[in-house]
Amino acid sequence: MSQESDERPWGSWHILDTGDGFQVKRLVVKPGARLSLQSHRHRAEHWTVVTGIAECTIDDVVKTISVGESVEIAVGAKHRLANPGTEILVIIEVQLGSYTGEDDIIRHEDDYGRV
């Protein structure tokens, strides 16, 4: 099991488990922060809220979900995760696909100049 973690401008992620065709991460998003509008060539994602409220953009649909709720992101869909609340947002992200590396991120928009 991997113990890889990374700090990002929006918060952090930590790999909980990884295997053939999947990876599970814990994402922590700071209040008011959001991730890049991005897509992936090789993986789908499933986000479940553990703590806080998430604003999920998937293609042209924006949906707010809370603790215990989840969304599915298809391979190739443009998506973004944001924390509109005043508390920390914690998400469990399950990635499914032939490749789950960080270099499969295609950034379309980014608040932190990483496009």
C-alpha atoms as a PDB file:
ATOM      1  CA  MET A   1       0.000   0.000   0.000  1.00  0.00           C
ATOM      2  CA  SER A   2       1.331   3.407  -0.999  1.00  0.00           C
ATOM      3  CA  GLN A   3       1.787   6.203   1.524  1.00  0.00           C
ATOM      4  CA  GLU A   4       2.283   8.889  -1.114  1.00  0.00           C
ATOM      5  CA  SER A   5       0.901  12.352  -0.316  1.00  0.00           C
ATOM      6  CA  ASP A   6       1.147  15.818  -1.809  1.00  0.00           C
ATOM      7  CA  GLU A   7       0.332  19.346  -0.708  1.00  0.00           C
ATOM      8  CA  ARG A   8      -1.403  21.508  -3.304  1.00  0.00           C
ATOM      9  CA  PRO A   9      -2.518  25.168  -3.294  1.00  0.00           C
ATOM     10  CA  TRP A  10      -6.134  23.997  -2.776  1.00  0.00           C
ATOM     11  CA  GLY A  11      -5.334  21.456  -0.009  1.00  0.00           C
ATOM     12  CA  SER A  12      -3.798  17.978  -0.162  1.00  0.00           C
ATOM     13  CA  TRP A  13      -4.210  14.379  -1.298  1.00  0.00           C
ATOM     14  CA  HIS A  14      -3.088  11.073   0.172  1.00  0.00           C
ATOM     15  CA  ILE A  15      -3.122   7.701  -1.565  1.00  0.00           C
ATOM     16  CA  LEU A  16      -4.961   5.178   0.609  1.00  0.00           C
ATOM     17  CA  ASP A  17      -4.689   2.154  -1.695  1.00  0.00           C
ATOM     18  CA  THR A  18      -3.629   1.303  -5.223  1.00  0.00           C
ATOM     19  CA  GLY A  19      -3.710  -1.765  -7.418  1.00  0.00           C
ATOM     20  CA  ASP A  20      -4.180  -3.023 -10.939  1.00  0.00           C
ATOM     21  CA  GLY A  21      -6.695  -0.648 -12.560  1.00  0.00           C
ATOM     22  CA  PHE A  22      -7.584   1.401  -9.475  1.00  0.00           C
ATOM     23  CA  GLN A  23      -6.378   3.948  -6.947  1.00  0.00           C
ATOM     24  CA  VAL A  24      -8.090   5.350  -3.838  1.00  0.00           C
ATOM     25  CA  LYS A  25      -7.242   8.833  -2.526  1.00  0.00           C
ATOM     26  CA  ARG A  26      -8.309  11.028   0.352  1.00  0.00           C
ATOM     27  CA  LEU A  27      -8.656  14.641  -0.851  1.00  0.00           C
ATOM     28  CA  VAL A  28      -8.724  17.535   1.625  1.00  0.00           C
ATOM     29  CA  VAL A  29      -9.947  20.827   0.124  1.00  0.00           C
ATOM     30  CA  LYS A  30      -9.544  24.110   1.992  1.00  0.00           C
ATOM     31  CA  PRO A  31     -12.610  26.347   2.520  1.00  0.00           C
ATOM     32  CA  GLY A  32     -13.226  28.486  -0.577  1.00  0.00           C
ATOM     33  CA  ALA A  33     -10.679  26.577  -2.676  1.00  0.00           C
ATOM     34  CA  ARG A  34     -11.169  24.578  -5.846  1.00  0.00           C
ATOM     35  CA  LEU A  35      -9.185  22.211  -8.027  1.00  0.00           C
ATOM     36  CA  SER A  36      -8.451  22.677 -11.723  1.00  0.00           C
ATOM     37  CA  LEU A  37     -11.140  22.178 -14.334  1.00  0.00           C
ATOM     38  CA  GLN A  38      -9.622  18.991 -15.714  1.00  0.00           C
ATOM     39  CA  SER A  39     -10.169  15.769 -17.596  1.00  0.00           C
ATOM     40  CA  HIS A  40      -8.441  12.393 -17.881  1.00  0.00           C
ATOM     41  CA  ARG A  41      -7.728  10.158 -20.873  1.00  0.00           C
ATOM     42  CA  HIS A  42      -7.351   6.885 -18.987  1.00  0.00           C
ATOM     43  CA  ARG A  43      -9.518   6.923 -15.876  1.00  0.00           C
ATOM     44  CA  ALA A  44     -12.980   7.523 -14.484  1.00  0.00           C
ATOM     45  CA  GLU A  45     -13.459   8.852 -10.959  1.00  0.00           C
ATOM     46  CA  HIS A  46     -16.017   8.457  -8.179  1.00  0.00           C
ATOM     47  CA  TRP A  47     -16.149  11.113  -5.444  1.00  0.00           C
ATOM     48  CA  THR A  48     -17.825  10.563  -2.067  1.00  0.00           C
ATOM     49  CA  VAL A  49     -18.109  13.351   0.517  1.00  0.00           C
ATOM     50  CA  VAL A  50     -16.902  12.378   3.994  1.00  0.00           C
ATOM     51  CA  THR A  51     -16.882  15.842   5.621  1.00  0.00           C
ATOM     52  CA  GLY A  52     -18.196  19.191   4.388  1.00  0.00           C
ATOM     53  CA  ILE A  53     -20.031  20.239   1.240  1.00  0.00           C
ATOM     54  CA  ALA A  54     -18.705  19.785  -2.291  1.00  0.00           C
ATOM     55  CA  GLU A  55     -19.535  21.696  -5.430  1.00  0.00           C
ATOM     56  CA  CYS A  56     -18.939  19.309  -8.341  1.00  0.00           C
ATOM     57  CA  THR A  57     -18.778  20.478 -11.927  1.00  0.00           C
ATOM     58  CA  ILE A  58     -19.058  17.700 -14.508  1.00  0.00           C
ATOM     59  CA  ASP A  59     -19.086  18.994 -18.076  1.00  0.00           C
ATOM     60  CA  ASP A  60     -21.872  21.644 -18.002  1.00  0.00           C
ATOM     61  CA  VAL A  61     -23.617  20.452 -14.818  1.00  0.00           C
ATOM     62  CA  VAL A  62     -22.864  21.907 -11.371  1.00  0.00           C
ATOM     63  CA  LYS A  63     -24.123  19.865  -8.425  1.00  0.00           C
ATOM     64  CA  THR A  64     -23.751  20.373  -4.676  1.00  0.00           C
ATOM     65  CA  ILE A  65     -23.351  17.207  -2.610  1.00  0.00           C
ATOM     66  CA  SER A  66     -22.964  16.643   1.122  1.00  0.00           C
ATOM     67  CA  VAL A  67     -21.817  13.925   3.527  1.00  0.00           C
ATOM     68  CA  GLY A  68     -22.600  10.436   2.230  1.00  0.00           C
ATOM     69  CA  GLU A  69     -23.443  11.582  -1.297  1.00  0.00           C
ATOM     70  CA  SER A  70     -21.327  10.874  -4.366  1.00  0.00           C
ATOM     71  CA  VAL A  71     -20.877  11.620  -8.069  1.00  0.00           C
ATOM     72  CA  GLU A  72     -19.459   9.692 -11.017  1.00  0.00           C
ATOM     73  CA  ILE A  73     -17.035  11.286 -13.497  1.00  0.00           C
ATOM     74  CA  ALA A  74     -16.682   9.454 -16.816  1.00  0.00           C
ATOM     75  CA  VAL A  75     -13.394   9.121 -18.690  1.00  0.00           C
ATOM     76  CA  GLY A  76     -12.869  12.341 -20.690  1.00  0.00           C
ATOM     77  CA  ALA A  77     -15.452  14.446 -18.812  1.00  0.00           C
ATOM     78  CA  LYS A  78     -14.342  17.938 -17.817  1.00  0.00           C
ATOM     79  CA  HIS A  79     -14.706  18.162 -14.055  1.00  0.00           C
ATOM     80  CA  ARG A  80     -13.880  20.313 -11.062  1.00  0.00           C
ATOM     81  CA  LEU A  81     -14.193  19.921  -7.292  1.00  0.00           C
ATOM     82  CA  ALA A  82     -14.727  23.002  -5.123  1.00  0.00           C
ATOM     83  CA  ASN A  83     -15.326  23.704  -1.438  1.00  0.00           C
ATOM     84  CA  PRO A  84     -17.913  26.502  -1.183  1.00  0.00           C
ATOM     85  CA  GLY A  85     -18.183  26.077   2.588  1.00  0.00           C
ATOM     86  CA  THR A  86     -16.339  27.414   5.618  1.00  0.00           C
ATOM     87  CA  GLU A  87     -15.187  23.976   6.847  1.00  0.00           C
ATOM     88  CA  ILE A  88     -12.626  21.540   5.433  1.00  0.00           C
ATOM     89  CA  LEU A  89     -14.009  19.305   2.663  1.00  0.00           C
ATOM     90  CA  VAL A  90     -12.872  15.669   2.705  1.00  0.00           C
ATOM     91  CA  ILE A  91     -13.527  13.463  -0.321  1.00  0.00           C
ATOM     92  CA  ILE A  92     -12.735   9.825  -0.959  1.00  0.00           C
ATOM     93  CA  GLU A  93     -11.827   9.550  -4.638  1.00  0.00           C
ATOM     94  CA  VAL A  94     -11.830   6.171  -6.356  1.00  0.00           C
ATOM     95  CA  GLN A  95     -10.017   6.191  -9.697  1.00  0.00           C
ATOM     96  CA  LEU A  96     -10.742   3.350 -12.121  1.00  0.00           C
ATOM     97  CA  GLY A  97      -8.898   2.830 -15.394  1.00  0.00           C
ATOM     98  CA  SER A  98      -5.914   1.543 -17.238  1.00  0.00           C
ATOM     99  CA  TYR A  99      -3.672   4.323 -15.855  1.00  0.00           C
ATOM    100  CA  THR A 100      -4.018   6.438 -12.691  1.00  0.00           C
ATOM    101  CA  GLY A 101      -0.815   8.513 -12.744  1.00  0.00           C
ATOM    102  CA  GLU A 102      -0.801  12.240 -11.970  1.00  0.00           C
ATOM    103  CA  ASP A 103       0.423  12.977 -15.512  1.00  0.00           C
ATOM    104  CA  ASP A 104      -3.014  11.909 -16.859  1.00  0.00           C
ATOM    105  CA  ILE A 105      -4.414  15.287 -15.736  1.00  0.00           C
ATOM    106  CA  ILE A 106      -5.367  17.628 -18.589  1.00  0.00           C
ATOM    107  CA  ARG A 107      -5.962  21.071 -17.065  1.00  0.00           C
ATOM    108  CA  HIS A 108      -8.450  23.310 -18.897  1.00  0.00           C
ATOM    109  CA  GLU A 109      -8.654  26.097 -16.268  1.00  0.00           C
ATOM    110  CA  ASP A 110      -6.703  26.631 -13.075  1.00  0.00           C
ATOM    111  CA  ASP A 111      -6.806  29.265 -10.324  1.00  0.00           C
ATOM    112  CA  TYR A 112      -3.107  28.689  -9.547  1.00  0.00           C
ATOM    113  CA  GLY A 113      -1.502  29.213 -12.994  1.00  0.00           C
ATOM    114  CA  ARG A 114      -0.831  25.535 -13.744  1.00  0.00           C
ATOM    115  CA  VAL A 115      -2.505  25.387 -17.190  1.00  0.00           C
END
